[in-house]
Amino acid sequence: MLRTQIKILNKNKIVAMEGGRRVGYLKFVYPGDSSGKRNLVIDYVYVKPQYRRKGIANKLIKFILKHFKNVVWISLWTSEEAEKDGSYGLYKKLGFKELAYQADYYKRGVGTHLFVKKLS
């Protein structure tokens, strides 16, 4: 069994590596507001299909929660894929609170959730 390593790739991307292969990543941005990089927005969490349901997305998010000490608020909107497969439950397990739901105007029964978490 391989051990997942989480590394900062650049100023807005964290990657998950197993056996020297990139198996997932998390992209984030700091909003262009006056918070001084105290707010962080998770843009995308992706894990290759063959590595899903093994805790990799969990590790990526926990890495941010642990290592980004200057951040007070983290927010994210779920993707259509997360809505369909229910994987957004991970955010609830990690203490994120659902703040809003927005239905997709063009697709019935599809929408996205806004989740937020206060760190300090």
C-alpha atoms as a PDB file:
ATOM      1  CA  MET A   1       0.000   0.000   0.000  1.00  0.00           C
ATOM      2  CA  LEU A   2       1.381   3.384  -1.024  1.00  0.00           C
ATOM      3  CA  ARG A   3       1.525   6.355   1.285  1.00  0.00           C
ATOM      4  CA  THR A   4      -0.002   9.592   0.041  1.00  0.00           C
ATOM      5  CA  GLN A   5       2.222  12.653   0.246  1.00  0.00           C
ATOM      6  CA  ILE A   6       0.740  16.144   0.046  1.00  0.00           C
ATOM      7  CA  LYS A   7       2.926  18.933  -1.344  1.00  0.00           C
ATOM      8  CA  ILE A   8       2.503  22.570  -2.268  1.00  0.00           C
ATOM      9  CA  LEU A   9       3.085  22.736  -6.025  1.00  0.00           C
ATOM     10  CA  ASN A  10       2.870  26.500  -6.473  1.00  0.00           C
ATOM     11  CA  LYS A  11       1.160  29.542  -4.967  1.00  0.00           C
ATOM     12  CA  ASN A  12      -2.342  28.176  -5.617  1.00  0.00           C
ATOM     13  CA  LYS A  13      -2.112  24.402  -6.029  1.00  0.00           C
ATOM     14  CA  ILE A  14      -1.534  21.485  -3.676  1.00  0.00           C
ATOM     15  CA  VAL A  15      -0.906  18.003  -5.077  1.00  0.00           C
ATOM     16  CA  ALA A  16      -1.307  14.476  -3.735  1.00  0.00           C
ATOM     17  CA  MET A  17       1.441  12.055  -4.764  1.00  0.00           C
ATOM     18  CA  GLU A  18       1.618   8.272  -4.460  1.00  0.00           C
ATOM     19  CA  GLY A  19       4.676   6.385  -5.632  1.00  0.00           C
ATOM     20  CA  GLY A  20       5.950   9.428  -7.507  1.00  0.00           C
ATOM     21  CA  ARG A  21       2.653   9.847  -9.406  1.00  0.00           C
ATOM     22  CA  ARG A  22       0.283  12.767  -9.106  1.00  0.00           C
ATOM     23  CA  VAL A  23      -3.058  11.257  -8.038  1.00  0.00           C
ATOM     24  CA  GLY A  24      -4.981  14.400  -7.122  1.00  0.00           C
ATOM     25  CA  TYR A  25      -4.831  18.106  -6.530  1.00  0.00           C
ATOM     26  CA  LEU A  26      -6.564  21.034  -4.872  1.00  0.00           C
ATOM     27  CA  LYS A  27      -6.618  24.490  -6.460  1.00  0.00           C
ATOM     28  CA  PHE A  28      -7.308  27.581  -4.377  1.00  0.00           C
ATOM     29  CA  VAL A  29      -7.244  31.363  -4.602  1.00  0.00           C
ATOM     30  CA  TYR A  30      -7.274  34.284  -2.252  1.00  0.00           C
ATOM     31  CA  PRO A  31     -10.158  36.615  -3.123  1.00  0.00           C
ATOM     32  CA  GLY A  32      -9.258  40.100  -4.253  1.00  0.00           C
ATOM     33  CA  ASP A  33     -10.716  41.754  -1.194  1.00  0.00           C
ATOM     34  CA  SER A  34      -9.331  43.606   1.793  1.00  0.00           C
ATOM     35  CA  SER A  35      -8.915  40.473   3.944  1.00  0.00           C
ATOM     36  CA  GLY A  36      -5.159  40.377   3.392  1.00  0.00           C
ATOM     37  CA  LYS A  37      -5.074  36.666   2.465  1.00  0.00           C
ATOM     38  CA  ARG A  38      -7.116  35.712   5.518  1.00  0.00           C
ATOM     39  CA  ASN A  39      -9.893  34.326   3.295  1.00  0.00           C
ATOM     40  CA  LEU A  40      -9.258  31.410   0.975  1.00  0.00           C
ATOM     41  CA  VAL A  41     -11.508  29.945  -1.720  1.00  0.00           C
ATOM     42  CA  ILE A  42     -11.117  26.333  -2.781  1.00  0.00           C
ATOM     43  CA  ASP A  43     -11.688  26.344  -6.529  1.00  0.00           C
ATOM     44  CA  TYR A  44     -11.365  22.660  -7.286  1.00  0.00           C
ATOM     45  CA  VAL A  45     -10.610  19.337  -5.636  1.00  0.00           C
ATOM     46  CA  TYR A  46      -9.776  16.487  -8.005  1.00  0.00           C
ATOM     47  CA  VAL A  47      -8.719  12.891  -7.410  1.00  0.00           C
ATOM     48  CA  LYS A  48      -8.119  10.456 -10.275  1.00  0.00           C
ATOM     49  CA  PRO A  49     -11.004   7.966 -10.461  1.00  0.00           C
ATOM     50  CA  GLN A  50      -8.919   4.911  -9.552  1.00  0.00           C
ATOM     51  CA  TYR A  51      -7.747   6.642  -6.342  1.00  0.00           C
ATOM     52  CA  ARG A  52     -11.119   7.909  -5.133  1.00  0.00           C
ATOM     53  CA  ARG A  53     -12.699   6.865  -1.829  1.00  0.00           C
ATOM     54  CA  LYS A  54      -9.254   6.369  -0.290  1.00  0.00           C
ATOM     55  CA  GLY A  55      -9.088   9.577   1.759  1.00  0.00           C
ATOM     56  CA  ILE A  56      -6.995  11.605  -0.664  1.00  0.00           C
ATOM     57  CA  ALA A  57      -9.409  14.555  -0.962  1.00  0.00           C
ATOM     58  CA  ASN A  58      -9.695  14.481   2.817  1.00  0.00           C
ATOM     59  CA  LYS A  59      -5.898  14.752   3.125  1.00  0.00           C
ATOM     60  CA  LEU A  60      -5.727  17.626   0.643  1.00  0.00           C
ATOM     61  CA  ILE A  61      -8.303  19.666   2.551  1.00  0.00           C
ATOM     62  CA  LYS A  62      -6.837  18.816   5.959  1.00  0.00           C
ATOM     63  CA  PHE A  63      -3.451  20.017   4.667  1.00  0.00           C
ATOM     64  CA  ILE A  64      -4.911  23.472   4.067  1.00  0.00           C
ATOM     65  CA  LEU A  65      -6.670  23.456   7.434  1.00  0.00           C
ATOM     66  CA  LYS A  66      -3.409  22.638   9.201  1.00  0.00           C
ATOM     67  CA  HIS A  67      -0.751  24.544   7.246  1.00  0.00           C
ATOM     68  CA  PHE A  68      -2.397  27.808   6.213  1.00  0.00           C
ATOM     69  CA  LYS A  69      -2.230  29.505   9.609  1.00  0.00           C
ATOM     70  CA  ASN A  70      -3.030  33.034   8.368  1.00  0.00           C
ATOM     71  CA  VAL A  71      -6.394  31.953   6.925  1.00  0.00           C
ATOM     72  CA  VAL A  72      -9.557  32.692   8.935  1.00  0.00           C
ATOM     73  CA  TRP A  73     -12.286  31.660   6.458  1.00  0.00           C
ATOM     74  CA  ILE A  74     -12.322  28.960   3.785  1.00  0.00           C
ATOM     75  CA  SER A  75     -15.164  28.697   1.301  1.00  0.00           C
ATOM     76  CA  LEU A  76     -16.060  26.592  -1.727  1.00  0.00           C
ATOM     77  CA  TRP A  77     -18.891  25.865  -4.130  1.00  0.00           C
ATOM     78  CA  THR A  78     -19.490  22.220  -4.941  1.00  0.00           C
ATOM     79  CA  SER A  79     -19.214  20.966  -8.510  1.00  0.00           C
ATOM     80  CA  GLU A  80     -21.898  19.229 -10.542  1.00  0.00           C
ATOM     81  CA  GLU A  81     -19.942  15.986 -10.168  1.00  0.00           C
ATOM     82  CA  ALA A  82     -19.850  16.313  -6.369  1.00  0.00           C
ATOM     83  CA  GLU A  83     -23.580  16.946  -6.397  1.00  0.00           C
ATOM     84  CA  LYS A  84     -24.261  13.835  -8.454  1.00  0.00           C
ATOM     85  CA  ASP A  85     -22.064  11.433  -6.483  1.00  0.00           C
ATOM     86  CA  GLY A  86     -22.679  12.968  -3.044  1.00  0.00           C
ATOM     87  CA  SER A  87     -18.980  13.438  -2.340  1.00  0.00           C
ATOM     88  CA  TYR A  88     -19.686  16.896  -0.932  1.00  0.00           C
ATOM     89  CA  GLY A  89     -20.505  15.116   2.343  1.00  0.00           C
ATOM     90  CA  LEU A  90     -16.760  15.220   2.976  1.00  0.00           C
ATOM     91  CA  TYR A  91     -16.961  18.968   3.580  1.00  0.00           C
ATOM     92  CA  LYS A  92     -19.606  18.462   6.267  1.00  0.00           C
ATOM     93  CA  LYS A  93     -17.429  15.797   7.932  1.00  0.00           C
ATOM     94  CA  LEU A  94     -14.547  18.278   8.046  1.00  0.00           C
ATOM     95  CA  GLY A  95     -16.652  20.913   9.794  1.00  0.00           C
ATOM     96  CA  PHE A  96     -17.709  23.064   6.859  1.00  0.00           C
ATOM     97  CA  LYS A  97     -21.177  24.575   7.188  1.00  0.00           C
ATOM     98  CA  GLU A  98     -23.577  24.741   4.287  1.00  0.00           C
ATOM     99  CA  LEU A  99     -24.437  28.376   3.746  1.00  0.00           C
ATOM    100  CA  ALA A 100     -26.403  28.344   0.490  1.00  0.00           C
ATOM    101  CA  TYR A 101     -27.771  26.220  -2.328  1.00  0.00           C
ATOM    102  CA  GLN A 102     -28.139  27.459  -5.885  1.00  0.00           C
ATOM    103  CA  ALA A 103     -30.173  25.483  -8.419  1.00  0.00           C
ATOM    104  CA  ASP A 104     -28.841  25.263 -11.958  1.00  0.00           C
ATOM    105  CA  TYR A 105     -31.140  27.240 -14.222  1.00  0.00           C
ATOM    106  CA  TYR A 106     -30.573  24.925 -17.182  1.00  0.00           C
ATOM    107  CA  LYS A 107     -30.515  21.486 -15.534  1.00  0.00           C
ATOM    108  CA  ARG A 108     -33.371  20.297 -13.343  1.00  0.00           C
ATOM    109  CA  GLY A 109     -32.337  18.699 -10.078  1.00  0.00           C
ATOM    110  CA  VAL A 110     -28.755  19.930 -10.352  1.00  0.00           C
ATOM    111  CA  GLY A 111     -27.269  22.744  -8.362  1.00  0.00           C
ATOM    112  CA  THR A 112     -24.343  23.637  -6.159  1.00  0.00           C
ATOM    113  CA  HIS A 113     -23.823  24.172  -2.446  1.00  0.00           C
ATOM    114  CA  LEU A 114     -21.739  26.880  -0.816  1.00  0.00           C
ATOM    115  CA  PHE A 115     -19.748  25.631   2.178  1.00  0.00           C
ATOM    116  CA  VAL A 116     -17.717  27.763   4.600  1.00  0.00           C
ATOM    117  CA  LYS A 117     -15.472  27.061   7.559  1.00  0.00           C
ATOM    118  CA  LYS A 118     -14.030  29.446  10.100  1.00  0.00           C
ATOM    119  CA  LEU A 119     -10.564  28.422  11.255  1.00  0.00           C
ATOM    120  CA  SER A 120      -9.800  30.848  14.065  1.00  0.00           C
END
